Every structure is written in structure tokens, then in C-alpha cells.
N, C-alpha and C. Protein backbone atom coordinates (compact mmCIF):
# COMPACT_ATOMS: atom_id res chain seq x y z
N UNK A 1 -68.28 27.82 129.19
CA UNK A 1 -68.16 29.19 128.67
C UNK A 1 -68.21 30.18 129.83
N UNK A 2 -67.28 31.12 129.85
CA UNK A 2 -67.29 32.15 130.87
C UNK A 2 -68.38 33.15 130.57
N UNK A 3 -69.19 33.47 131.57
CA UNK A 3 -70.30 34.38 131.35
C UNK A 3 -70.17 35.59 132.28
N UNK A 4 -70.56 36.80 131.78
CA UNK A 4 -70.53 37.97 132.64
C UNK A 4 -71.60 37.86 133.70
N UNK A 5 -71.23 37.97 134.95
CA UNK A 5 -72.21 37.83 136.02
C UNK A 5 -72.14 39.02 136.97
N UNK A 6 -73.30 39.37 137.50
CA UNK A 6 -73.36 40.31 138.59
C UNK A 6 -73.16 39.50 139.85
N UNK A 7 -72.15 39.80 140.63
CA UNK A 7 -71.90 38.98 141.81
C UNK A 7 -71.34 39.81 142.95
N UNK A 8 -71.29 39.20 144.13
CA UNK A 8 -70.86 39.92 145.32
C UNK A 8 -69.45 40.48 145.20
N UNK A 9 -68.57 39.76 144.55
CA UNK A 9 -67.17 40.13 144.54
C UNK A 9 -66.92 41.44 143.81
N UNK A 10 -67.56 41.64 142.66
CA UNK A 10 -67.25 42.82 141.87
C UNK A 10 -68.41 43.77 141.68
N UNK A 11 -69.62 43.38 141.96
CA UNK A 11 -70.74 44.19 141.53
C UNK A 11 -71.76 44.58 142.59
N UNK A 12 -71.55 44.19 143.82
CA UNK A 12 -72.51 44.58 144.84
C UNK A 12 -72.12 45.95 145.40
N UNK A 13 -72.98 46.93 145.21
CA UNK A 13 -72.67 48.30 145.61
C UNK A 13 -73.07 48.51 147.06
N UNK A 14 -72.20 48.17 147.97
CA UNK A 14 -72.55 48.16 149.40
C UNK A 14 -72.34 49.51 150.09
N UNK A 15 -71.54 50.38 149.51
CA UNK A 15 -71.20 51.62 150.19
C UNK A 15 -72.07 52.81 149.81
N UNK A 16 -72.92 52.64 148.82
CA UNK A 16 -73.71 53.76 148.33
C UNK A 16 -75.17 53.66 148.70
N UNK A 17 -75.71 52.46 148.69
CA UNK A 17 -77.14 52.25 148.93
C UNK A 17 -77.39 51.71 150.34
N UNK A 18 -78.59 51.94 150.84
CA UNK A 18 -78.95 51.47 152.19
C UNK A 18 -79.56 50.08 152.17
N UNK A 19 -79.63 49.47 150.98
CA UNK A 19 -80.17 48.11 150.83
C UNK A 19 -79.40 47.45 149.69
N UNK A 20 -79.51 46.13 149.54
CA UNK A 20 -78.69 45.43 148.54
C UNK A 20 -79.02 45.85 147.09
N UNK A 21 -78.02 46.34 146.41
CA UNK A 21 -78.13 46.72 145.00
C UNK A 21 -76.94 46.12 144.26
N UNK A 22 -77.23 45.51 143.13
CA UNK A 22 -76.18 45.00 142.27
C UNK A 22 -75.95 45.95 141.10
N UNK A 23 -74.72 45.94 140.60
CA UNK A 23 -74.39 46.75 139.43
C UNK A 23 -73.71 45.88 138.38
N UNK A 24 -73.91 46.22 137.13
CA UNK A 24 -73.15 45.61 136.05
C UNK A 24 -72.33 46.72 135.42
N UNK A 25 -71.01 46.59 135.45
CA UNK A 25 -70.13 47.67 135.05
C UNK A 25 -69.27 47.34 133.85
N UNK A 26 -69.04 48.36 133.04
CA UNK A 26 -68.17 48.29 131.87
C UNK A 26 -67.11 49.36 132.01
N UNK A 27 -66.03 49.27 131.26
CA UNK A 27 -64.97 50.29 131.38
C UNK A 27 -65.46 51.67 130.98
N UNK A 28 -65.21 52.64 131.84
CA UNK A 28 -65.64 54.01 131.59
C UNK A 28 -65.01 54.53 130.29
N UNK A 29 -65.80 55.27 129.53
CA UNK A 29 -65.30 55.87 128.30
C UNK A 29 -65.24 54.92 127.14
N UNK A 30 -64.58 53.80 127.28
CA UNK A 30 -64.44 52.82 126.20
C UNK A 30 -65.79 52.28 125.74
N UNK A 31 -66.75 52.23 126.65
CA UNK A 31 -68.07 51.69 126.33
C UNK A 31 -69.13 52.78 126.22
N UNK A 32 -68.68 54.04 126.08
CA UNK A 32 -69.60 55.18 126.10
C UNK A 32 -69.51 55.95 124.78
N UNK A 33 -70.17 55.46 123.72
CA UNK A 33 -69.97 56.06 122.40
C UNK A 33 -70.48 57.49 122.25
N UNK A 34 -71.40 57.91 123.10
CA UNK A 34 -71.98 59.25 122.94
C UNK A 34 -71.61 60.20 124.08
N UNK A 35 -70.66 59.81 124.91
CA UNK A 35 -70.23 60.67 126.01
C UNK A 35 -69.43 61.86 125.48
N UNK A 36 -69.53 62.98 126.16
CA UNK A 36 -68.80 64.16 125.76
C UNK A 36 -68.32 64.94 126.99
N UNK A 37 -69.24 65.47 127.78
CA UNK A 37 -68.90 66.36 128.89
C UNK A 37 -68.04 65.68 129.96
N UNK A 38 -68.23 64.38 130.15
CA UNK A 38 -67.57 63.68 131.25
C UNK A 38 -66.58 62.61 130.80
N UNK A 39 -66.32 62.50 129.52
CA UNK A 39 -65.64 61.32 128.99
C UNK A 39 -64.18 61.20 129.44
N UNK A 40 -63.87 60.03 129.96
CA UNK A 40 -62.50 59.65 130.33
C UNK A 40 -62.32 58.19 129.94
N UNK A 41 -61.14 57.88 129.43
CA UNK A 41 -60.78 56.49 129.19
C UNK A 41 -59.56 56.16 130.05
N UNK A 42 -59.55 54.94 130.57
CA UNK A 42 -58.44 54.48 131.37
C UNK A 42 -57.82 53.28 130.66
N UNK A 43 -56.53 53.33 130.43
CA UNK A 43 -55.86 52.24 129.74
C UNK A 43 -55.98 50.95 130.54
N UNK A 44 -56.37 49.89 129.89
CA UNK A 44 -56.61 48.63 130.59
C UNK A 44 -55.36 48.09 131.27
N UNK A 45 -54.22 48.23 130.65
CA UNK A 45 -52.98 47.66 131.19
C UNK A 45 -52.29 48.61 132.15
N UNK A 46 -52.04 49.82 131.71
CA UNK A 46 -51.24 50.76 132.51
C UNK A 46 -52.04 51.49 133.58
N UNK A 47 -53.35 51.61 133.38
CA UNK A 47 -54.17 52.39 134.31
C UNK A 47 -54.05 53.88 134.08
N UNK A 48 -53.38 54.29 133.00
CA UNK A 48 -53.21 55.71 132.71
C UNK A 48 -54.54 56.31 132.26
N UNK A 49 -54.85 57.48 132.81
CA UNK A 49 -56.10 58.16 132.50
C UNK A 49 -55.92 59.05 131.27
N UNK A 50 -56.82 58.90 130.32
CA UNK A 50 -56.85 59.77 129.15
C UNK A 50 -57.96 60.78 129.36
N UNK A 51 -57.58 62.00 129.70
CA UNK A 51 -58.55 63.02 130.07
C UNK A 51 -59.16 63.65 128.82
N UNK A 52 -60.42 63.37 128.58
CA UNK A 52 -61.09 63.94 127.41
C UNK A 52 -62.33 64.73 127.77
N UNK A 53 -62.61 64.86 129.08
CA UNK A 53 -63.85 65.52 129.48
C UNK A 53 -63.77 67.03 129.28
N UNK A 54 -64.91 67.65 129.08
CA UNK A 54 -64.96 69.09 128.83
C UNK A 54 -65.61 69.88 129.97
N UNK A 55 -66.39 69.21 130.81
CA UNK A 55 -67.09 69.93 131.88
C UNK A 55 -66.86 69.33 133.25
N UNK A 56 -66.99 68.03 133.38
CA UNK A 56 -66.78 67.37 134.66
C UNK A 56 -66.25 65.97 134.40
N UNK A 57 -65.52 65.46 135.36
CA UNK A 57 -64.86 64.17 135.21
C UNK A 57 -65.79 63.03 135.60
N UNK A 58 -65.82 61.99 134.77
CA UNK A 58 -66.63 60.81 135.06
C UNK A 58 -66.22 60.21 136.40
N UNK A 59 -67.16 60.21 137.34
CA UNK A 59 -66.84 59.72 138.68
C UNK A 59 -66.52 58.23 138.67
N UNK A 60 -67.21 57.47 137.83
CA UNK A 60 -67.01 56.02 137.79
C UNK A 60 -65.60 55.64 137.39
N UNK A 61 -64.92 56.52 136.66
CA UNK A 61 -63.57 56.20 136.19
C UNK A 61 -62.56 56.12 137.32
N UNK A 62 -62.83 56.79 138.44
CA UNK A 62 -61.85 56.86 139.53
C UNK A 62 -61.51 55.48 140.09
N UNK A 63 -62.49 54.57 140.09
CA UNK A 63 -62.24 53.23 140.62
C UNK A 63 -61.30 52.42 139.74
N UNK A 64 -61.12 52.86 138.49
CA UNK A 64 -60.28 52.10 137.57
C UNK A 64 -58.79 52.33 137.80
N UNK A 65 -58.45 53.08 138.83
CA UNK A 65 -57.04 53.14 139.23
C UNK A 65 -56.59 51.82 139.84
N UNK A 66 -57.58 51.00 140.22
CA UNK A 66 -57.29 49.68 140.78
C UNK A 66 -57.32 48.63 139.66
N UNK A 67 -56.24 47.88 139.48
CA UNK A 67 -56.19 46.90 138.39
C UNK A 67 -57.33 45.88 138.41
N UNK A 68 -57.73 45.43 139.57
CA UNK A 68 -58.79 44.42 139.65
C UNK A 68 -60.13 44.97 139.14
N UNK A 69 -60.38 46.23 139.44
CA UNK A 69 -61.61 46.86 138.96
C UNK A 69 -61.58 46.99 137.45
N UNK A 70 -60.45 47.49 136.93
CA UNK A 70 -60.32 47.61 135.47
C UNK A 70 -60.55 46.28 134.79
N UNK A 71 -59.92 45.24 135.32
CA UNK A 71 -60.00 43.94 134.66
C UNK A 71 -61.41 43.37 134.71
N UNK A 72 -62.10 43.53 135.83
CA UNK A 72 -63.47 42.99 135.92
C UNK A 72 -64.39 43.68 134.92
N UNK A 73 -64.20 44.99 134.74
CA UNK A 73 -65.03 45.72 133.79
C UNK A 73 -64.71 45.31 132.35
N UNK A 74 -63.45 45.11 132.07
CA UNK A 74 -63.07 44.69 130.72
C UNK A 74 -63.54 43.27 130.41
N UNK A 75 -63.50 42.40 131.40
CA UNK A 75 -64.01 41.03 131.22
C UNK A 75 -65.49 41.08 130.86
N UNK A 76 -66.25 41.91 131.58
CA UNK A 76 -67.67 42.07 131.25
C UNK A 76 -67.85 42.61 129.84
N UNK A 77 -67.06 43.62 129.50
CA UNK A 77 -67.17 44.26 128.19
C UNK A 77 -66.92 43.27 127.06
N UNK A 78 -65.85 42.51 127.19
CA UNK A 78 -65.51 41.54 126.15
C UNK A 78 -66.57 40.44 126.05
N UNK A 79 -67.10 40.04 127.20
CA UNK A 79 -68.09 38.97 127.20
C UNK A 79 -69.38 39.39 126.51
N UNK A 80 -69.89 40.59 126.83
CA UNK A 80 -71.14 41.01 126.21
C UNK A 80 -70.95 41.34 124.73
N UNK A 81 -69.76 41.81 124.36
CA UNK A 81 -69.50 42.05 122.94
C UNK A 81 -69.50 40.74 122.16
N UNK A 82 -69.14 39.65 122.83
CA UNK A 82 -69.21 38.32 122.18
C UNK A 82 -70.63 37.78 122.17
N UNK A 83 -71.53 38.48 122.82
CA UNK A 83 -72.92 38.04 122.84
C UNK A 83 -73.25 37.06 123.93
N UNK A 84 -72.36 36.92 124.92
CA UNK A 84 -72.64 35.99 126.00
C UNK A 84 -73.79 36.48 126.87
N UNK A 85 -74.53 35.57 127.39
CA UNK A 85 -75.74 35.88 128.15
C UNK A 85 -75.41 36.53 129.48
N UNK A 86 -76.16 37.57 129.81
CA UNK A 86 -76.00 38.25 131.10
C UNK A 86 -76.77 37.48 132.16
N UNK A 87 -76.09 37.12 133.22
CA UNK A 87 -76.70 36.41 134.34
C UNK A 87 -76.86 37.36 135.51
N UNK A 88 -77.95 37.26 136.24
CA UNK A 88 -78.13 38.06 137.44
C UNK A 88 -78.29 37.13 138.64
N UNK A 89 -77.91 37.57 139.83
CA UNK A 89 -78.00 36.72 141.02
C UNK A 89 -79.44 36.37 141.38
N UNK A 90 -79.61 35.22 141.95
CA UNK A 90 -80.95 34.77 142.34
C UNK A 90 -81.58 35.67 143.40
N UNK A 91 -80.73 36.32 144.22
CA UNK A 91 -81.27 37.14 145.31
C UNK A 91 -81.41 38.61 144.93
N UNK A 92 -81.16 38.95 143.68
CA UNK A 92 -81.22 40.35 143.27
C UNK A 92 -82.65 40.88 143.28
N UNK A 93 -82.82 42.07 143.86
CA UNK A 93 -84.11 42.76 143.83
C UNK A 93 -83.99 44.11 143.12
N UNK A 94 -82.78 44.69 143.16
CA UNK A 94 -82.52 46.00 142.54
C UNK A 94 -81.19 45.93 141.79
N UNK A 95 -81.21 46.34 140.54
CA UNK A 95 -79.99 46.31 139.74
C UNK A 95 -79.83 47.63 138.99
N UNK A 96 -78.70 48.27 139.21
CA UNK A 96 -78.35 49.44 138.40
C UNK A 96 -77.50 48.95 137.23
N UNK A 97 -78.00 49.18 136.04
CA UNK A 97 -77.25 48.81 134.84
C UNK A 97 -76.24 49.93 134.60
N UNK A 98 -74.99 49.62 134.80
CA UNK A 98 -73.88 50.54 134.56
C UNK A 98 -73.69 51.58 135.66
N UNK A 99 -73.07 51.19 136.74
CA UNK A 99 -72.49 52.18 137.63
C UNK A 99 -71.34 52.83 136.88
N UNK A 100 -70.79 52.08 135.93
CA UNK A 100 -69.75 52.56 135.03
C UNK A 100 -70.05 52.02 133.64
N UNK A 101 -69.87 52.88 132.61
CA UNK A 101 -70.10 52.45 131.25
C UNK A 101 -71.49 52.81 130.75
N UNK A 102 -71.81 52.35 129.54
CA UNK A 102 -73.08 52.70 128.92
C UNK A 102 -73.45 51.65 127.88
N UNK A 103 -74.62 51.78 127.33
CA UNK A 103 -75.06 50.92 126.23
C UNK A 103 -74.26 51.30 124.99
N UNK A 104 -73.48 50.37 124.48
CA UNK A 104 -72.56 50.69 123.39
C UNK A 104 -73.07 50.26 122.02
N UNK A 105 -74.18 49.52 121.97
CA UNK A 105 -74.76 49.10 120.69
C UNK A 105 -76.24 48.80 120.89
N UNK A 106 -76.97 48.78 119.78
CA UNK A 106 -78.40 48.44 119.85
C UNK A 106 -78.58 47.00 120.32
N UNK A 107 -77.75 46.12 119.85
CA UNK A 107 -77.84 44.72 120.23
C UNK A 107 -77.66 44.54 121.74
N UNK A 108 -76.69 45.25 122.29
CA UNK A 108 -76.45 45.16 123.73
C UNK A 108 -77.60 45.77 124.52
N UNK A 109 -78.12 46.90 124.07
CA UNK A 109 -79.28 47.52 124.72
C UNK A 109 -80.46 46.54 124.72
N UNK A 110 -80.69 45.91 123.59
CA UNK A 110 -81.80 44.97 123.46
C UNK A 110 -81.62 43.76 124.38
N UNK A 111 -80.36 43.37 124.60
CA UNK A 111 -80.12 42.24 125.50
C UNK A 111 -80.56 42.58 126.92
N UNK A 112 -80.33 43.81 127.33
CA UNK A 112 -80.77 44.21 128.66
C UNK A 112 -82.30 44.29 128.75
N UNK A 113 -82.94 44.70 127.67
CA UNK A 113 -84.41 44.69 127.68
C UNK A 113 -84.94 43.29 127.93
N UNK A 114 -84.31 42.32 127.33
CA UNK A 114 -84.72 40.92 127.53
C UNK A 114 -84.48 40.48 128.97
N UNK A 115 -83.34 40.86 129.54
CA UNK A 115 -83.06 40.52 130.94
C UNK A 115 -84.14 41.10 131.84
N UNK A 116 -84.52 42.33 131.59
CA UNK A 116 -85.57 42.97 132.40
C UNK A 116 -86.91 42.26 132.25
N UNK A 117 -87.26 41.90 131.03
CA UNK A 117 -88.53 41.20 130.80
C UNK A 117 -88.52 39.83 131.47
N UNK A 118 -87.38 39.18 131.45
CA UNK A 118 -87.27 37.84 132.03
C UNK A 118 -87.26 37.85 133.56
N UNK A 119 -87.09 39.04 134.14
CA UNK A 119 -87.01 39.16 135.60
C UNK A 119 -87.94 40.30 136.06
N UNK A 120 -89.25 40.11 135.90
CA UNK A 120 -90.19 41.21 136.14
C UNK A 120 -90.28 41.67 137.59
N UNK A 121 -89.79 40.88 138.52
CA UNK A 121 -89.86 41.28 139.93
C UNK A 121 -88.63 42.07 140.37
N UNK A 122 -87.66 42.20 139.49
CA UNK A 122 -86.45 42.95 139.80
C UNK A 122 -86.59 44.37 139.26
N UNK A 123 -86.16 45.35 140.05
CA UNK A 123 -86.18 46.75 139.63
C UNK A 123 -84.84 47.08 138.98
N UNK A 124 -84.88 47.55 137.75
CA UNK A 124 -83.68 47.93 137.01
C UNK A 124 -83.73 49.43 136.71
N UNK A 125 -82.57 50.07 136.68
CA UNK A 125 -82.50 51.45 136.21
C UNK A 125 -81.13 51.71 135.60
N UNK A 126 -81.09 52.75 134.76
CA UNK A 126 -79.85 53.08 134.08
C UNK A 126 -79.83 54.54 133.67
N UNK A 127 -78.65 55.12 133.71
CA UNK A 127 -78.38 56.43 133.13
C UNK A 127 -77.73 56.17 131.78
N UNK A 128 -78.13 56.93 130.76
CA UNK A 128 -77.54 56.66 129.45
C UNK A 128 -77.44 57.91 128.59
N UNK A 129 -76.37 57.97 127.83
CA UNK A 129 -76.21 58.98 126.79
C UNK A 129 -76.47 58.37 125.41
N UNK A 130 -76.71 57.07 125.38
CA UNK A 130 -76.96 56.36 124.11
C UNK A 130 -78.44 56.46 123.76
N UNK A 131 -78.89 57.66 123.53
CA UNK A 131 -80.32 57.92 123.39
C UNK A 131 -80.92 57.32 122.13
N UNK A 132 -80.13 57.15 121.10
CA UNK A 132 -80.67 56.58 119.85
C UNK A 132 -81.14 55.15 120.05
N UNK A 133 -80.45 54.38 120.89
CA UNK A 133 -80.85 52.99 121.15
C UNK A 133 -82.17 52.97 121.92
N UNK A 134 -82.29 53.87 122.89
CA UNK A 134 -83.51 53.99 123.69
C UNK A 134 -84.69 54.41 122.81
N UNK A 135 -84.49 55.43 122.01
CA UNK A 135 -85.57 55.95 121.18
C UNK A 135 -86.07 54.90 120.18
N UNK A 136 -85.15 54.10 119.67
CA UNK A 136 -85.56 53.07 118.72
C UNK A 136 -86.49 52.04 119.36
N UNK A 137 -86.41 51.90 120.67
CA UNK A 137 -87.25 50.94 121.40
C UNK A 137 -88.15 51.64 122.41
N UNK A 138 -88.45 52.89 122.19
CA UNK A 138 -89.11 53.71 123.21
C UNK A 138 -90.47 53.15 123.63
N UNK A 139 -91.14 52.44 122.74
CA UNK A 139 -92.45 51.87 123.09
C UNK A 139 -92.34 50.45 123.63
N UNK A 140 -91.10 49.98 123.80
CA UNK A 140 -90.89 48.59 124.23
C UNK A 140 -90.15 48.48 125.56
N UNK A 141 -90.02 49.57 126.29
CA UNK A 141 -89.28 49.54 127.55
C UNK A 141 -90.12 48.83 128.62
N UNK A 142 -89.60 47.79 129.24
CA UNK A 142 -90.36 47.07 130.28
C UNK A 142 -90.69 47.98 131.46
N UNK A 143 -91.78 47.69 132.13
CA UNK A 143 -92.22 48.51 133.26
C UNK A 143 -91.23 48.51 134.41
N UNK A 144 -90.41 47.48 134.51
CA UNK A 144 -89.47 47.40 135.63
C UNK A 144 -88.11 47.98 135.31
N UNK A 145 -88.00 48.70 134.18
CA UNK A 145 -86.76 49.39 133.81
C UNK A 145 -87.03 50.88 133.72
N UNK A 146 -86.28 51.67 134.48
CA UNK A 146 -86.37 53.12 134.42
C UNK A 146 -85.09 53.67 133.80
N UNK A 147 -85.25 54.41 132.72
CA UNK A 147 -84.12 55.03 132.04
C UNK A 147 -84.15 56.53 132.26
N UNK A 148 -82.96 57.13 132.34
CA UNK A 148 -82.85 58.58 132.33
C UNK A 148 -81.71 58.98 131.42
N UNK A 149 -81.99 59.98 130.59
CA UNK A 149 -80.95 60.51 129.73
C UNK A 149 -79.94 61.25 130.60
N UNK A 150 -78.69 60.92 130.44
CA UNK A 150 -77.63 61.57 131.19
C UNK A 150 -77.11 62.74 130.36
N UNK A 151 -77.48 63.94 130.75
CA UNK A 151 -77.09 65.11 129.96
C UNK A 151 -75.57 65.25 129.90
N UNK A 152 -75.11 65.76 128.77
CA UNK A 152 -73.68 65.94 128.58
C UNK A 152 -73.14 65.07 127.47
N UNK A 153 -74.04 64.56 126.63
CA UNK A 153 -73.64 63.72 125.52
C UNK A 153 -73.91 64.38 124.18
N UNK A 154 -73.50 63.72 123.13
CA UNK A 154 -73.66 64.29 121.79
C UNK A 154 -75.08 64.19 121.24
N UNK A 155 -75.96 63.49 121.96
CA UNK A 155 -77.34 63.35 121.51
C UNK A 155 -78.33 64.09 122.41
N UNK A 156 -77.84 65.05 123.17
CA UNK A 156 -78.71 65.79 124.10
C UNK A 156 -79.89 66.46 123.40
N UNK A 157 -79.72 66.81 122.14
CA UNK A 157 -80.81 67.48 121.42
C UNK A 157 -82.07 66.62 121.30
N UNK A 158 -81.92 65.31 121.51
CA UNK A 158 -83.07 64.41 121.41
C UNK A 158 -83.92 64.40 122.69
N UNK A 159 -83.38 64.91 123.78
CA UNK A 159 -84.10 64.87 125.05
C UNK A 159 -85.42 65.64 124.99
N UNK A 160 -85.42 66.91 124.57
CA UNK A 160 -86.71 67.62 124.49
C UNK A 160 -87.60 67.11 123.37
N UNK A 161 -87.00 66.65 122.29
CA UNK A 161 -87.80 66.16 121.15
C UNK A 161 -88.68 64.99 121.58
N UNK A 162 -88.10 64.08 122.36
CA UNK A 162 -88.83 62.88 122.79
C UNK A 162 -89.30 62.96 124.24
N UNK A 163 -89.11 64.13 124.85
CA UNK A 163 -89.54 64.37 126.23
C UNK A 163 -89.03 63.28 127.17
N UNK A 164 -87.75 63.04 127.11
CA UNK A 164 -87.13 62.00 127.91
C UNK A 164 -86.85 62.49 129.33
N UNK A 165 -87.04 61.63 130.26
CA UNK A 165 -86.59 61.89 131.62
C UNK A 165 -85.07 62.06 131.57
N UNK A 166 -84.55 63.06 132.32
CA UNK A 166 -83.11 63.28 132.26
C UNK A 166 -82.51 63.56 133.63
N UNK A 167 -81.21 63.39 133.70
CA UNK A 167 -80.42 63.74 134.88
C UNK A 167 -79.34 64.71 134.42
N UNK A 168 -79.15 65.79 135.17
CA UNK A 168 -78.15 66.79 134.81
C UNK A 168 -77.19 67.00 135.96
N UNK A 169 -75.90 66.88 135.67
CA UNK A 169 -74.87 67.07 136.68
C UNK A 169 -74.50 68.55 136.76
N UNK A 170 -74.44 69.05 137.98
CA UNK A 170 -74.03 70.44 138.22
C UNK A 170 -72.74 70.45 139.03
N UNK A 171 -71.83 71.31 138.65
CA UNK A 171 -70.59 71.48 139.41
C UNK A 171 -70.71 72.61 140.43
N UNK A 172 -71.82 73.32 140.37
CA UNK A 172 -72.06 74.44 141.28
C UNK A 172 -73.42 74.29 141.94
N UNK A 173 -73.43 74.28 143.26
CA UNK A 173 -74.66 74.08 144.01
C UNK A 173 -75.68 75.19 143.74
N UNK A 174 -75.23 76.42 143.62
CA UNK A 174 -76.15 77.54 143.39
C UNK A 174 -76.88 77.39 142.06
N UNK A 175 -76.16 76.95 141.04
CA UNK A 175 -76.80 76.74 139.73
C UNK A 175 -77.78 75.58 139.77
N UNK A 176 -77.45 74.57 140.56
CA UNK A 176 -78.37 73.44 140.72
C UNK A 176 -79.67 73.90 141.36
N UNK A 177 -79.57 74.69 142.43
CA UNK A 177 -80.76 75.18 143.11
C UNK A 177 -81.58 76.09 142.19
N UNK A 178 -80.90 76.89 141.39
CA UNK A 178 -81.58 77.80 140.47
C UNK A 178 -82.34 77.04 139.38
N UNK A 179 -81.86 75.84 139.03
CA UNK A 179 -82.49 75.05 137.97
C UNK A 179 -83.89 74.60 138.34
N UNK A 180 -84.15 74.47 139.64
CA UNK A 180 -85.46 74.00 140.09
C UNK A 180 -85.60 72.49 140.05
N UNK A 181 -84.58 71.81 139.59
CA UNK A 181 -84.63 70.34 139.55
C UNK A 181 -84.38 69.77 140.94
N UNK A 182 -85.12 68.75 141.34
CA UNK A 182 -84.85 68.11 142.63
C UNK A 182 -83.51 67.39 142.59
N UNK A 183 -82.82 67.36 143.71
CA UNK A 183 -81.53 66.71 143.80
C UNK A 183 -81.71 65.24 144.17
N UNK A 184 -81.05 64.37 143.44
CA UNK A 184 -81.07 62.93 143.76
C UNK A 184 -79.65 62.51 144.14
N UNK A 185 -79.41 62.26 145.43
CA UNK A 185 -78.07 61.90 145.87
C UNK A 185 -77.94 60.41 146.18
N UNK A 186 -79.06 59.66 146.07
CA UNK A 186 -79.00 58.24 146.41
C UNK A 186 -79.74 57.34 145.43
N UNK A 187 -80.02 57.86 144.22
CA UNK A 187 -80.70 57.11 143.16
C UNK A 187 -82.19 56.88 143.42
N UNK A 188 -82.76 57.52 144.42
CA UNK A 188 -84.19 57.35 144.68
C UNK A 188 -85.02 57.75 143.48
N UNK A 189 -84.70 58.90 142.88
CA UNK A 189 -85.45 59.37 141.72
C UNK A 189 -85.07 58.62 140.46
N UNK A 190 -83.87 58.06 140.45
CA UNK A 190 -83.42 57.32 139.27
C UNK A 190 -84.08 55.96 139.16
N UNK A 191 -84.46 55.38 140.27
CA UNK A 191 -84.99 54.02 140.28
C UNK A 191 -86.38 53.89 139.69
N UNK A 192 -87.14 54.99 139.68
CA UNK A 192 -88.53 54.91 139.21
C UNK A 192 -89.04 56.30 138.85
N UNK A 193 -90.19 56.32 138.22
CA UNK A 193 -90.86 57.58 137.94
C UNK A 193 -90.35 58.28 136.69
N UNK A 194 -90.97 59.43 136.40
CA UNK A 194 -90.64 60.20 135.21
C UNK A 194 -90.08 61.58 135.53
N UNK A 195 -89.79 61.84 136.81
CA UNK A 195 -89.28 63.14 137.23
C UNK A 195 -87.81 63.29 136.87
N UNK A 196 -87.48 64.29 136.07
CA UNK A 196 -86.07 64.61 135.81
C UNK A 196 -85.46 65.19 137.08
N UNK A 197 -84.14 65.15 137.18
CA UNK A 197 -83.52 65.56 138.44
C UNK A 197 -82.09 66.03 138.23
N UNK A 198 -81.55 66.62 139.29
CA UNK A 198 -80.19 67.12 139.29
C UNK A 198 -79.26 66.18 140.06
N UNK A 199 -78.01 66.23 139.69
CA UNK A 199 -76.94 65.55 140.43
C UNK A 199 -75.84 66.57 140.68
N UNK A 200 -75.16 66.44 141.79
CA UNK A 200 -74.01 67.30 142.06
C UNK A 200 -72.72 66.53 141.79
N UNK A 201 -71.73 67.23 141.28
CA UNK A 201 -70.45 66.64 140.95
C UNK A 201 -69.84 65.98 142.19
N UNK A 202 -69.67 64.66 142.12
CA UNK A 202 -69.16 63.91 143.27
C UNK A 202 -67.71 64.23 143.61
N UNK A 203 -66.97 64.80 142.69
CA UNK A 203 -65.60 65.19 142.98
C UNK A 203 -65.55 66.49 143.77
N UNK A 204 -66.64 67.23 143.75
CA UNK A 204 -66.68 68.53 144.45
C UNK A 204 -67.52 68.47 145.72
N UNK A 205 -68.57 67.65 145.70
CA UNK A 205 -69.48 67.56 146.84
C UNK A 205 -69.59 66.12 147.30
N UNK A 206 -69.33 65.86 148.56
CA UNK A 206 -69.46 64.51 149.10
C UNK A 206 -70.93 64.16 149.24
N UNK A 207 -71.21 62.86 149.36
CA UNK A 207 -72.60 62.43 149.56
C UNK A 207 -73.16 63.01 150.86
N UNK A 208 -72.32 63.14 151.88
CA UNK A 208 -72.77 63.72 153.15
C UNK A 208 -73.19 65.17 152.95
N UNK A 209 -72.40 65.91 152.17
CA UNK A 209 -72.74 67.30 151.88
C UNK A 209 -74.05 67.40 151.12
N UNK A 210 -74.24 66.47 150.17
CA UNK A 210 -75.43 66.53 149.31
C UNK A 210 -76.71 66.27 150.09
N UNK A 211 -76.62 65.49 151.15
CA UNK A 211 -77.81 65.18 151.94
C UNK A 211 -78.38 66.42 152.63
N UNK A 212 -77.54 67.44 152.84
CA UNK A 212 -77.99 68.61 153.58
C UNK A 212 -78.01 69.85 152.69
N UNK A 213 -78.02 69.65 151.38
CA UNK A 213 -78.07 70.78 150.46
C UNK A 213 -79.38 71.54 150.66
N UNK A 214 -79.24 72.87 150.77
CA UNK A 214 -80.42 73.74 150.93
C UNK A 214 -80.24 74.95 150.01
């Protein structure tokens, strides 16, 4: 049986982090049931972008212009929808769940909770707009999994109600500074803790620019 795996070929994020981090990715938009502000879908076959975003463009979708990237994400998507077991590499110490995509069902969210519990020495984190799945299990989140609500979804109203840690994308640096939220340009704040934080639009500000934001 073919199983979705995090592996060096498709899921090791070597250009963003200063240490080994694995990612498990799904097709942008297609696996994001509660996305709104950033939603984009890319056709699996043609690679044509369906622009549906209202505020900023999903950065993860840009990689899907490459057929191999699209196909690897769709293979993962189809496999987990069939209920196939998620495997992680033996050498993994840090895993970002979804550099692209989101939790698309309660069953799938629960599967990741099990993966985290089964691998207590691995640090997991995820950004999600699927807040209803999180809230339903809010007292069952493993200590080695850090979740942050990704603002810009149809369930944003639940963030203050449940006092969820959140991440907010800004397209304007001045507005970000005015918000008072600390800027996270390398996932340091996303990996752990309860501090909400800001992100700058990657299509407007490069990572180099973000490092020197004042």
C-alpha cells in the first residue's frame, strides 16, 4: 500500500529554516475548507490558478506552478482522505504540519493528534483556519503540538471566544508595527508558546527585508 510520507525529496524545507525541518503538504485551497482572505486553488492537471483571495494571495500556492509539486501534494491529499497512515522520518525532530494546505476534516485532524502523541520527542506546529476541529479537541492537544489560528478565515469569530493563539498576515509594514504584535519571520514563535504574532505578506516583503523590520 502506498503511504503518504514526509521525506527528503518532497518535504524537507531546506531553504527556510536554519536546521532540519520536515513538512507535510496538501494542495493549497482544495484542502482548506475555511479559507477566505488568502484562498487560491490550482488545477491539478493544467496548473491554472483560480484566484479567489480577497486580501492576500496564499504564498504556498506559488510552488504549485511546478507539476511535480502539485502532484506530490495531491498524492498526499488522496492518501490521507483514504485513511492511510501518516509516516514520519526516523530522523525528524521538527515537523511543520502543512506548509501548504490545512486540516480538512475532524478525522484528519485527529489523525495528526495521534501522530504527535506517538512521537513525543518531535516538535510539531501548524497554522490553521479549521478552528472547529481544534476547538472540538481543545483539551486534548498534545504538549508537543503548537497550533495557531491563521486569521483570514470564515471562523475568525471563534478566536477571541476561545482565546486562541493566532497569526495575522499584514500587507503593510506600518499597520503591522501599529498592531503591537511581534513579527515572526522564521516560525520561531509558531513552533511553541502561546504568544500571538504578526506575519508580513511574503509576496511584498522578502525574508531578508523582514529580518530588519523596525
